[in-house]
Amino acid sequence: MNDERPDVLTIGQLAHRTGSPVRTLRFWSDEGAVPPVARSAGGYRLYDAESVARVELVRTLRELGLGLDDVCRVLSGRTTVAEVADAHVAALDAQIRSLKVSRAVLSTVAKRGSNVEETALMNRLARLSAAERKQIIDVFREEVFGGLDDPRLRDRMRTFSIELPDDPTPEQVDAWIELAELLRDPVFRARLRTWTPVPEQGRPAGASIWWARQIVQTVTEVRKGGVAPEGPAAAEVLSELFGDADRAAVLRSLEAGIEAGADHYRRLVARVRGQVSSPDTTKELEWLARALRAAGQT
């Protein structure tokens, strides 16, 4: 077939030389990626040594995930490999982020044993845009903290942000799903609003319980030491922690916060931010509440 031109290859010979299926080469040829250099007298496609190199390049670009249109643009000189690679990297980054979100949602579904409706809701929450996430947080923040009398505390809470990064880890997405469900829950918002401490002489009574590590660390140590919350040693701990503060106000804030799930909320926020979240302090806070109740009865 190609006796008159020993320098050319039939499509079968090109397939043998490159290790590519004839069907694939025929498709690439039809699309213009590996065009024949000539036709035989019988109309068969003929290729040359440059075609072999071209097949190798096409295969490499295809293995890297480039579409055949982009491959043809590179081969025709309308764009460069670098330009296409840069665009493809951006597309892959977006795809990877999407896959991470999908993995996080499916992981959460498996962990919770969710039904179809719950799965659909979690998927929507996970794929919200940054603006949509901000709207959920803004509505929650205004409803819970907007009516505070202390302007300093109110302004501080209004600038408080919960940002899910552009490239979140599966753990952050999982935490965001749970946090978004919590922020949208009217019962949680009502409880947290009730807990939000009323300012007393410019300071929110008992608010530091939820944010001061020193208090939790102190209670952790005395619990490990076997100190009973109703005993005299616990009363000394309370004196060290709160001095002459209004114990009744501290207890009210503590009990409301426990009922609202404020510590769980705090740990979810830390996980969404990618911060190292402190362990569950429920037992420490309950010990503290028991100690305050006991002190109030003496």
C-alpha atoms as a PDB file:
ATOM      1  CA  MET A   1       0.000   0.000   0.000  1.00  0.00           C
ATOM      2  CA  ASN A   2       2.882   2.319   0.743  1.00  0.00           C
ATOM      3  CA  ASP A   3       5.596   0.654  -1.344  1.00  0.00           C
ATOM      4  CA  GLU A   4       6.130   3.846  -3.325  1.00  0.00           C
ATOM      5  CA  ARG A   5       6.663   5.831  -0.095  1.00  0.00           C
ATOM      6  CA  PRO A   6       8.508   3.686   2.462  1.00  0.00           C
ATOM      7  CA  ASP A   7       8.805   6.737   4.734  1.00  0.00           C
ATOM      8  CA  VAL A   8       5.074   6.780   5.517  1.00  0.00           C
ATOM      9  CA  LEU A   9       3.004   4.628   7.844  1.00  0.00           C
ATOM     10  CA  THR A  10      -0.470   3.230   7.577  1.00  0.00           C
ATOM     11  CA  ILE A  11      -2.764   3.798  10.529  1.00  0.00           C
ATOM     12  CA  GLY A  12      -2.153   0.206  11.618  1.00  0.00           C
ATOM     13  CA  GLN A  13       1.593   0.731  11.546  1.00  0.00           C
ATOM     14  CA  LEU A  14       1.206   4.000  13.465  1.00  0.00           C
ATOM     15  CA  ALA A  15      -0.861   2.170  16.053  1.00  0.00           C
ATOM     16  CA  HIS A  16       1.827  -0.487  16.387  1.00  0.00           C
ATOM     17  CA  ARG A  17       4.601   2.139  16.644  1.00  0.00           C
ATOM     18  CA  THR A  18       2.834   4.218  19.305  1.00  0.00           C
ATOM     19  CA  GLY A  19       0.917   1.544  21.183  1.00  0.00           C
ATOM     20  CA  SER A  20      -2.364   3.385  20.610  1.00  0.00           C
ATOM     21  CA  PRO A  21      -5.523   1.612  19.393  1.00  0.00           C
ATOM     22  CA  VAL A  22      -6.428   2.126  15.744  1.00  0.00           C
ATOM     23  CA  ARG A  23      -9.894   3.253  16.799  1.00  0.00           C
ATOM     24  CA  THR A  24      -8.409   6.003  18.967  1.00  0.00           C
ATOM     25  CA  LEU A  25      -6.042   7.152  16.234  1.00  0.00           C
ATOM     26  CA  ARG A  26      -8.877   7.252  13.715  1.00  0.00           C
ATOM     27  CA  PHE A  27     -10.924   9.425  16.091  1.00  0.00           C
ATOM     28  CA  TRP A  28      -7.995  11.771  16.749  1.00  0.00           C
ATOM     29  CA  SER A  29      -7.391  11.970  13.027  1.00  0.00           C
ATOM     30  CA  ASP A  30     -11.027  12.824  12.314  1.00  0.00           C
ATOM     31  CA  GLU A  31     -10.902  15.582  14.956  1.00  0.00           C
ATOM     32  CA  GLY A  32      -7.751  17.100  13.451  1.00  0.00           C
ATOM     33  CA  ALA A  33      -5.385  16.249  16.296  1.00  0.00           C
ATOM     34  CA  VAL A  34      -3.350  13.750  14.244  1.00  0.00           C
ATOM     35  CA  PRO A  35      -4.157  14.475  10.588  1.00  0.00           C
ATOM     36  CA  PRO A  36      -2.763  12.178   7.881  1.00  0.00           C
ATOM     37  CA  VAL A  37       0.087  13.566   5.825  1.00  0.00           C
ATOM     38  CA  ALA A  38      -1.224  11.933   2.678  1.00  0.00           C
ATOM     39  CA  ARG A  39      -3.628   9.386   1.255  1.00  0.00           C
ATOM     40  CA  SER A  40      -2.795   6.211  -0.591  1.00  0.00           C
ATOM     41  CA  ALA A  41      -4.125   5.469  -4.074  1.00  0.00           C
ATOM     42  CA  GLY A  42      -6.886   3.510  -2.365  1.00  0.00           C
ATOM     43  CA  GLY A  43      -7.763   6.448  -0.078  1.00  0.00           C
ATOM     44  CA  TYR A  44      -6.148   5.073   3.074  1.00  0.00           C
ATOM     45  CA  ARG A  45      -4.596   7.490   5.562  1.00  0.00           C
ATOM     46  CA  LEU A  46      -0.836   7.759   5.664  1.00  0.00           C
ATOM     47  CA  TYR A  47       1.367   9.172   8.430  1.00  0.00           C
ATOM     48  CA  ASP A  48       5.046   9.951   8.908  1.00  0.00           C
ATOM     49  CA  ALA A  49       7.650  10.117  11.691  1.00  0.00           C
ATOM     50  CA  GLU A  50       6.320  13.481  12.917  1.00  0.00           C
ATOM     51  CA  SER A  51       2.920  11.846  13.310  1.00  0.00           C
ATOM     52  CA  VAL A  52       4.465   9.445  15.808  1.00  0.00           C
ATOM     53  CA  ALA A  53       5.707  12.377  17.933  1.00  0.00           C
ATOM     54  CA  ARG A  54       2.323  14.076  17.541  1.00  0.00           C
ATOM     55  CA  VAL A  55       0.498  10.999  18.822  1.00  0.00           C
ATOM     56  CA  GLU A  56       2.796  10.933  21.878  1.00  0.00           C
ATOM     57  CA  LEU A  57       2.036  14.595  22.597  1.00  0.00           C
ATOM     58  CA  VAL A  58      -1.706  14.138  22.152  1.00  0.00           C
ATOM     59  CA  ARG A  59      -1.687  11.115  24.447  1.00  0.00           C
ATOM     60  CA  THR A  60       0.301  12.999  27.099  1.00  0.00           C
ATOM     61  CA  LEU A  61      -2.067  15.962  27.063  1.00  0.00           C
ATOM     62  CA  ARG A  62      -5.105  13.691  27.136  1.00  0.00           C
ATOM     63  CA  GLU A  63      -3.687  11.756  30.094  1.00  0.00           C
ATOM     64  CA  LEU A  64      -3.302  15.074  31.897  1.00  0.00           C
ATOM     65  CA  GLY A  65      -7.020  15.622  31.405  1.00  0.00           C
ATOM     66  CA  LEU A  66      -7.055  18.203  28.593  1.00  0.00           C
ATOM     67  CA  GLY A  67      -9.995  18.068  26.247  1.00  0.00           C
ATOM     68  CA  LEU A  68      -9.385  17.295  22.590  1.00  0.00           C
ATOM     69  CA  ASP A  69     -10.403  20.833  21.602  1.00  0.00           C
ATOM     70  CA  ASP A  70      -7.639  22.252  23.804  1.00  0.00           C
ATOM     71  CA  VAL A  71      -5.196  19.714  22.414  1.00  0.00           C
ATOM     72  CA  CYS A  72      -6.013  20.801  18.854  1.00  0.00           C
ATOM     73  CA  ARG A  73      -5.603  24.467  19.813  1.00  0.00           C
ATOM     74  CA  VAL A  74      -2.120  23.722  21.190  1.00  0.00           C
ATOM     75  CA  LEU A  75      -1.107  21.684  18.154  1.00  0.00           C
ATOM     76  CA  SER A  76      -2.350  24.352  15.748  1.00  0.00           C
ATOM     77  CA  GLY A  77      -0.372  27.065  17.551  1.00  0.00           C
ATOM     78  CA  ARG A  78      -3.451  29.033  18.608  1.00  0.00           C
ATOM     79  CA  THR A  79      -2.349  28.703  22.234  1.00  0.00           C
ATOM     80  CA  THR A  80       0.580  27.310  24.200  1.00  0.00           C
ATOM     81  CA  VAL A  81       0.833  24.284  26.435  1.00  0.00           C
ATOM     82  CA  ALA A  82       1.624  26.597  29.358  1.00  0.00           C
ATOM     83  CA  GLU A  83      -1.507  28.682  28.835  1.00  0.00           C
ATOM     84  CA  VAL A  84      -3.727  25.628  28.574  1.00  0.00           C
ATOM     85  CA  ALA A  85      -2.021  24.045  31.573  1.00  0.00           C
ATOM     86  CA  ASP A  86      -2.621  27.162  33.666  1.00  0.00           C
ATOM     87  CA  ALA A  87      -6.332  27.157  32.818  1.00  0.00           C
ATOM     88  CA  HIS A  88      -6.522  23.439  33.447  1.00  0.00           C
ATOM     89  CA  VAL A  89      -4.892  23.787  36.864  1.00  0.00           C
ATOM     90  CA  ALA A  90      -7.597  26.284  37.835  1.00  0.00           C
ATOM     91  CA  ALA A  91     -10.275  23.898  36.607  1.00  0.00           C
ATOM     92  CA  LEU A  92      -8.704  21.000  38.495  1.00  0.00           C
ATOM     93  CA  ASP A  93      -8.504  23.090  41.675  1.00  0.00           C
ATOM     94  CA  ALA A  94     -12.227  23.816  41.401  1.00  0.00           C
ATOM     95  CA  GLN A  95     -12.934  20.150  40.770  1.00  0.00           C
ATOM     96  CA  ILE A  96     -10.815  19.103  43.746  1.00  0.00           C
ATOM     97  CA  ARG A  97     -12.656  21.569  46.005  1.00  0.00           C
ATOM     98  CA  SER A  98     -15.964  20.183  44.767  1.00  0.00           C
ATOM     99  CA  LEU A  99     -14.806  16.618  45.380  1.00  0.00           C
ATOM    100  CA  LYS A 100     -13.695  17.537  48.899  1.00  0.00           C
ATOM    101  CA  VAL A 101     -17.142  18.971  49.599  1.00  0.00           C
ATOM    102  CA  SER A 102     -18.798  15.846  48.173  1.00  0.00           C
ATOM    103  CA  ARG A 103     -16.561  13.641  50.288  1.00  0.00           C
ATOM    104  CA  ALA A 104     -17.334  15.641  53.419  1.00  0.00           C
ATOM    105  CA  VAL A 105     -21.087  15.504  52.787  1.00  0.00           C
ATOM    106  CA  LEU A 106     -21.040  11.758  52.106  1.00  0.00           C
ATOM    107  CA  SER A 107     -18.888  11.181  55.190  1.00  0.00           C
ATOM    108  CA  THR A 108     -21.375  13.110  57.309  1.00  0.00           C
ATOM    109  CA  VAL A 109     -24.303  11.249  55.760  1.00  0.00           C
ATOM    110  CA  ALA A 110     -22.664   7.915  56.557  1.00  0.00           C
ATOM    111  CA  LYS A 111     -21.827   8.989  60.102  1.00  0.00           C
ATOM    112  CA  ARG A 112     -25.334  10.259  60.836  1.00  0.00           C
ATOM    113  CA  GLY A 113     -27.256   7.634  58.883  1.00  0.00           C
ATOM    114  CA  SER A 114     -29.108  10.474  57.167  1.00  0.00           C
ATOM    115  CA  ASN A 115     -32.195  10.039  55.019  1.00  0.00           C
ATOM    116  CA  VAL A 116     -32.688  11.523  51.547  1.00  0.00           C
ATOM    117  CA  GLU A 117     -34.122  14.839  52.788  1.00  0.00           C
ATOM    118  CA  GLU A 118     -31.318  15.369  55.298  1.00  0.00           C
ATOM    119  CA  THR A 119     -28.719  14.474  52.676  1.00  0.00           C
ATOM    120  CA  ALA A 120     -30.158  17.031  50.242  1.00  0.00           C
ATOM    121  CA  LEU A 121     -30.156  19.725  52.944  1.00  0.00           C
ATOM    122  CA  MET A 122     -26.555  19.024  53.951  1.00  0.00           C
ATOM    123  CA  ASN A 123     -25.458  19.122  50.327  1.00  0.00           C
ATOM    124  CA  ARG A 124     -27.109  22.532  49.849  1.00  0.00           C
ATOM    125  CA  LEU A 125     -25.566  23.894  53.044  1.00  0.00           C
ATOM    126  CA  ALA A 126     -22.109  22.620  52.071  1.00  0.00           C
ATOM    127  CA  ARG A 127     -22.260  24.201  48.607  1.00  0.00           C
ATOM    128  CA  LEU A 128     -23.513  27.649  49.607  1.00  0.00           C
ATOM    129  CA  SER A 129     -21.559  30.561  48.211  1.00  0.00           C
ATOM    130  CA  ALA A 130     -19.539  32.800  50.510  1.00  0.00           C
ATOM    131  CA  ALA A 131     -22.278  35.458  50.277  1.00  0.00           C
ATOM    132  CA  GLU A 132     -24.970  32.925  51.180  1.00  0.00           C
ATOM    133  CA  ARG A 133     -22.964  31.656  54.152  1.00  0.00           C
ATOM    134  CA  LYS A 134     -22.433  35.224  55.309  1.00  0.00           C
ATOM    135  CA  GLN A 135     -26.169  35.892  55.127  1.00  0.00           C
ATOM    136  CA  ILE A 136     -26.914  32.945  57.430  1.00  0.00           C
ATOM    137  CA  ILE A 137     -24.325  34.194  59.915  1.00  0.00           C
ATOM    138  CA  ASP A 138     -25.513  37.803  59.713  1.00  0.00           C
ATOM    139  CA  VAL A 139     -29.150  36.837  60.376  1.00  0.00           C
ATOM    140  CA  PHE A 140     -28.097  34.682  63.320  1.00  0.00           C
ATOM    141  CA  ARG A 141     -25.789  37.337  64.756  1.00  0.00           C
ATOM    142  CA  GLU A 142     -28.370  40.109  64.498  1.00  0.00           C
ATOM    143  CA  GLU A 143     -31.142  38.017  66.050  1.00  0.00           C
ATOM    144  CA  VAL A 144     -29.011  36.772  68.937  1.00  0.00           C
ATOM    145  CA  PHE A 145     -26.746  39.727  69.674  1.00  0.00           C
ATOM    146  CA  GLY A 146     -28.429  42.676  67.973  1.00  0.00           C
ATOM    147  CA  GLY A 147     -30.426  43.779  71.018  1.00  0.00           C
ATOM    148  CA  LEU A 148     -27.583  43.955  73.511  1.00  0.00           C
ATOM    149  CA  ASP A 149     -27.635  47.120  75.575  1.00  0.00           C
ATOM    150  CA  ASP A 150     -23.874  47.396  75.856  1.00  0.00           C
ATOM    151  CA  PRO A 151     -22.729  49.023  72.556  1.00  0.00           C
ATOM    152  CA  ARG A 152     -19.169  47.760  72.982  1.00  0.00           C
ATOM    153  CA  LEU A 153     -20.267  44.162  73.355  1.00  0.00           C
ATOM    154  CA  ARG A 154     -22.830  44.543  70.571  1.00  0.00           C
ATOM    155  CA  ASP A 155     -20.261  45.976  68.172  1.00  0.00           C
ATOM    156  CA  ARG A 156     -17.765  43.281  69.050  1.00  0.00           C
ATOM    157  CA  MET A 157     -20.269  40.525  68.311  1.00  0.00           C
ATOM    158  CA  ARG A 158     -21.272  42.184  65.033  1.00  0.00           C
ATOM    159  CA  THR A 159     -17.667  42.104  63.821  1.00  0.00           C
ATOM    160  CA  PHE A 160     -17.338  38.467  64.912  1.00  0.00           C
ATOM    161  CA  SER A 161     -16.986  36.395  61.736  1.00  0.00           C
ATOM    162  CA  ILE A 162     -17.105  32.716  60.881  1.00  0.00           C
ATOM    163  CA  GLU A 163     -15.302  32.177  57.583  1.00  0.00           C
ATOM    164  CA  LEU A 164     -15.134  28.888  55.719  1.00  0.00           C
ATOM    165  CA  PRO A 165     -11.949  29.053  53.597  1.00  0.00           C
ATOM    166  CA  ASP A 166     -12.058  28.767  49.806  1.00  0.00           C
ATOM    167  CA  ASP A 167     -10.287  25.417  50.008  1.00  0.00           C
ATOM    168  CA  PRO A 168     -11.732  23.833  53.162  1.00  0.00           C
ATOM    169  CA  THR A 169     -10.727  20.481  54.576  1.00  0.00           C
ATOM    170  CA  PRO A 170     -13.389  17.762  54.859  1.00  0.00           C
ATOM    171  CA  GLU A 171     -13.365  18.346  58.632  1.00  0.00           C
ATOM    172  CA  GLN A 172     -14.138  22.044  58.133  1.00  0.00           C
ATOM    173  CA  VAL A 173     -16.976  21.291  55.714  1.00  0.00           C
ATOM    174  CA  ASP A 174     -18.407  18.752  58.151  1.00  0.00           C
ATOM    175  CA  ALA A 175     -18.254  21.326  60.955  1.00  0.00           C
ATOM    176  CA  TRP A 176     -19.836  23.987  58.730  1.00  0.00           C
ATOM    177  CA  ILE A 177     -22.774  21.699  57.868  1.00  0.00           C
ATOM    178  CA  GLU A 178     -23.466  21.115  61.546  1.00  0.00           C
ATOM    179  CA  LEU A 179     -22.928  24.773  62.448  1.00  0.00           C
ATOM    180  CA  ALA A 180     -25.207  26.019  59.640  1.00  0.00           C
ATOM    181  CA  GLU A 181     -27.956  23.670  60.783  1.00  0.00           C
ATOM    182  CA  LEU A 182     -27.506  24.983  64.310  1.00  0.00           C
ATOM    183  CA  LEU A 183     -27.525  28.658  63.300  1.00  0.00           C
ATOM    184  CA  ARG A 184     -30.738  28.142  61.304  1.00  0.00           C
ATOM    185  CA  ASP A 185     -32.470  26.395  64.217  1.00  0.00           C
ATOM    186  CA  PRO A 186     -34.934  28.859  65.841  1.00  0.00           C
ATOM    187  CA  VAL A 187     -34.867  26.911  69.126  1.00  0.00           C
ATOM    188  CA  PHE A 188     -31.089  27.210  69.374  1.00  0.00           C
ATOM    189  CA  ARG A 189     -31.192  30.915  68.512  1.00  0.00           C
ATOM    190  CA  ALA A 190     -33.829  31.537  71.168  1.00  0.00           C
ATOM    191  CA  ARG A 191     -31.840  29.672  73.802  1.00  0.00           C
ATOM    192  CA  LEU A 192     -28.630  31.437  72.916  1.00  0.00           C
ATOM    193  CA  ARG A 193     -30.415  34.786  72.963  1.00  0.00           C
ATOM    194  CA  THR A 194     -31.679  33.989  76.461  1.00  0.00           C
ATOM    195  CA  TRP A 195     -28.175  33.050  77.522  1.00  0.00           C
ATOM    196  CA  THR A 196     -26.577  36.205  76.110  1.00  0.00           C
ATOM    197  CA  PRO A 197     -25.529  37.875  79.354  1.00  0.00           C
ATOM    198  CA  VAL A 198     -27.066  41.130  80.472  1.00  0.00           C
ATOM    199  CA  PRO A 199     -24.321  43.716  81.050  1.00  0.00           C
ATOM    200  CA  GLU A 200     -23.652  44.570  84.648  1.00  0.00           C
ATOM    201  CA  GLN A 201     -21.618  47.719  85.176  1.00  0.00           C
ATOM    202  CA  GLY A 202     -20.268  47.412  81.667  1.00  0.00           C
ATOM    203  CA  ARG A 203     -19.317  43.742  81.996  1.00  0.00           C
ATOM    204  CA  PRO A 204     -21.461  40.788  81.003  1.00  0.00           C
ATOM    205  CA  ALA A 205     -22.024  38.722  84.132  1.00  0.00           C
ATOM    206  CA  GLY A 206     -20.524  35.266  83.855  1.00  0.00           C
ATOM    207  CA  ALA A 207     -19.657  35.604  80.191  1.00  0.00           C
ATOM    208  CA  SER A 208     -15.995  34.852  80.808  1.00  0.00           C
ATOM    209  CA  ILE A 209     -16.919  31.300  81.786  1.00  0.00           C
ATOM    210  CA  TRP A 210     -17.364  30.393  78.161  1.00  0.00           C
ATOM    211  CA  TRP A 211     -14.213  31.989  76.809  1.00  0.00           C
ATOM    212  CA  ALA A 212     -11.619  31.983  79.640  1.00  0.00           C
ATOM    213  CA  ARG A 213      -9.408  28.912  79.471  1.00  0.00           C
ATOM    214  CA  GLN A 214      -8.134  29.610  82.965  1.00  0.00           C
ATOM    215  CA  ILE A 215     -11.546  28.882  84.486  1.00  0.00           C
ATOM    216  CA  VAL A 216     -11.953  25.603  82.643  1.00  0.00           C
ATOM    217  CA  GLN A 217      -8.362  24.558  83.374  1.00  0.00           C
ATOM    218  CA  THR A 218      -8.824  25.294  87.070  1.00  0.00           C
ATOM    219  CA  VAL A 219     -12.016  23.256  87.264  1.00  0.00           C
ATOM    220  CA  THR A 220     -10.395  20.414  85.306  1.00  0.00           C
ATOM    221  CA  GLU A 221      -7.562  20.266  87.816  1.00  0.00           C
ATOM    222  CA  VAL A 222      -9.815  20.277  90.899  1.00  0.00           C
ATOM    223  CA  ARG A 223     -12.053  17.598  89.358  1.00  0.00           C
ATOM    224  CA  LYS A 224      -9.025  15.413  88.709  1.00  0.00           C
ATOM    225  CA  GLY A 225      -8.052  16.018  92.333  1.00  0.00           C
ATOM    226  CA  GLY A 226     -11.369  14.591  93.450  1.00  0.00           C
ATOM    227  CA  VAL A 227     -12.792  17.856  94.843  1.00  0.00           C
ATOM    228  CA  ALA A 228     -16.546  17.570  95.320  1.00  0.00           C
ATOM    229  CA  PRO A 229     -18.578  20.544  94.042  1.00  0.00           C
ATOM    230  CA  GLU A 230     -20.579  20.691  97.286  1.00  0.00           C
ATOM    231  CA  GLY A 231     -17.586  20.728  99.648  1.00  0.00           C
ATOM    232  CA  PRO A 232     -15.631  23.542 101.312  1.00  0.00           C
ATOM    233  CA  ALA A 233     -12.701  23.127  98.916  1.00  0.00           C
ATOM    234  CA  ALA A 234     -15.046  23.956  96.021  1.00  0.00           C
ATOM    235  CA  ALA A 235     -16.113  27.141  97.807  1.00  0.00           C
ATOM    236  CA  GLU A 236     -12.482  28.223  97.943  1.00  0.00           C
ATOM    237  CA  VAL A 237     -12.157  27.559  94.191  1.00  0.00           C
ATOM    238  CA  LEU A 238     -15.197  29.755  93.529  1.00  0.00           C
ATOM    239  CA  SER A 239     -13.672  32.561  95.586  1.00  0.00           C
ATOM    240  CA  GLU A 240     -10.473  32.371  93.551  1.00  0.00           C
ATOM    241  CA  LEU A 241     -12.354  32.357  90.250  1.00  0.00           C
ATOM    242  CA  PHE A 242     -15.063  34.976  90.866  1.00  0.00           C
ATOM    243  CA  GLY A 243     -14.074  36.993  93.920  1.00  0.00           C
ATOM    244  CA  ASP A 244     -17.003  39.153  95.022  1.00  0.00           C
ATOM    245  CA  ALA A 245     -18.896  38.898  91.711  1.00  0.00           C
ATOM    246  CA  ASP A 246     -22.624  38.239  91.773  1.00  0.00           C
ATOM    247  CA  ARG A 247     -22.661  34.429  92.023  1.00  0.00           C
ATOM    248  CA  ALA A 248     -26.369  34.254  91.214  1.00  0.00           C
ATOM    249  CA  ALA A 249     -25.811  36.117  87.937  1.00  0.00           C
ATOM    250  CA  VAL A 250     -22.861  33.875  87.093  1.00  0.00           C
ATOM    251  CA  LEU A 251     -24.970  30.764  87.765  1.00  0.00           C
ATOM    252  CA  ARG A 252     -27.867  32.040  85.625  1.00  0.00           C
ATOM    253  CA  SER A 253     -25.526  32.686  82.712  1.00  0.00           C
ATOM    254  CA  LEU A 254     -23.830  29.321  83.171  1.00  0.00           C
ATOM    255  CA  GLU A 255     -27.096  27.359  83.275  1.00  0.00           C
ATOM    256  CA  ALA A 256     -28.517  29.189  80.277  1.00  0.00           C
ATOM    257  CA  GLY A 257     -25.335  28.560  78.327  1.00  0.00           C
ATOM    258  CA  ILE A 258     -25.361  24.844  79.158  1.00  0.00           C
ATOM    259  CA  GLU A 259     -28.989  24.562  78.046  1.00  0.00           C
ATOM    260  CA  ALA A 260     -28.260  26.518  74.848  1.00  0.00           C
ATOM    261  CA  GLY A 261     -25.272  24.355  73.958  1.00  0.00           C
ATOM    262  CA  ALA A 262     -22.915  27.352  73.908  1.00  0.00           C
ATOM    263  CA  ASP A 263     -19.800  25.214  74.358  1.00  0.00           C
ATOM    264  CA  HIS A 264     -20.731  22.989  71.410  1.00  0.00           C
ATOM    265  CA  TYR A 265     -21.322  26.125  69.318  1.00  0.00           C
ATOM    266  CA  ARG A 266     -17.919  27.496  70.336  1.00  0.00           C
ATOM    267  CA  ARG A 267     -16.139  24.268  69.358  1.00  0.00           C
ATOM    268  CA  LEU A 268     -17.922  24.123  65.985  1.00  0.00           C
ATOM    269  CA  VAL A 269     -16.815  27.681  65.201  1.00  0.00           C
ATOM    270  CA  ALA A 270     -13.217  26.729  66.004  1.00  0.00           C
ATOM    271  CA  ARG A 271     -13.415  23.680  63.710  1.00  0.00           C
ATOM    272  CA  VAL A 272     -14.833  25.725  60.818  1.00  0.00           C
ATOM    273  CA  ARG A 273     -11.977  28.184  61.205  1.00  0.00           C
ATOM    274  CA  GLY A 274      -9.462  25.353  61.159  1.00  0.00           C
ATOM    275  CA  GLN A 275      -8.359  26.134  64.697  1.00  0.00           C
ATOM    276  CA  VAL A 276      -7.407  23.557  67.278  1.00  0.00           C
ATOM    277  CA  SER A 277     -10.635  23.136  69.168  1.00  0.00           C
ATOM    278  CA  SER A 278     -10.525  22.625  72.906  1.00  0.00           C
ATOM    279  CA  PRO A 279     -12.050  19.416  74.236  1.00  0.00           C
ATOM    280  CA  ASP A 280     -15.639  19.140  75.402  1.00  0.00           C
ATOM    281  CA  THR A 281     -15.937  21.019  78.697  1.00  0.00           C
ATOM    282  CA  THR A 282     -19.500  19.978  79.542  1.00  0.00           C
ATOM    283  CA  LYS A 283     -18.462  18.062  82.670  1.00  0.00           C
ATOM    284  CA  GLU A 284     -16.352  20.958  83.920  1.00  0.00           C
ATOM    285  CA  LEU A 285     -19.184  23.446  83.404  1.00  0.00           C
ATOM    286  CA  GLU A 286     -21.692  21.164  85.095  1.00  0.00           C
ATOM    287  CA  TRP A 287     -19.320  20.778  88.061  1.00  0.00           C
ATOM    288  CA  LEU A 288     -19.061  24.547  88.262  1.00  0.00           C
ATOM    289  CA  ALA A 289     -22.848  24.926  88.170  1.00  0.00           C
ATOM    290  CA  ARG A 290     -23.258  22.405  90.988  1.00  0.00           C
ATOM    291  CA  ALA A 291     -20.633  24.246  93.034  1.00  0.00           C
ATOM    292  CA  LEU A 292     -22.391  27.583  92.528  1.00  0.00           C
ATOM    293  CA  ARG A 293     -25.752  26.095  93.501  1.00  0.00           C
ATOM    294  CA  ALA A 294     -24.250  24.579  96.621  1.00  0.00           C
ATOM    295  CA  ALA A 295     -22.583  27.877  97.536  1.00  0.00           C
ATOM    296  CA  GLY A 296     -25.877  29.700  97.082  1.00  0.00           C
ATOM    297  CA  GLN A 297     -27.581  27.397  99.578  1.00  0.00           C
ATOM    298  CA  THR A 298     -25.058  27.967 102.348  1.00  0.00           C
END
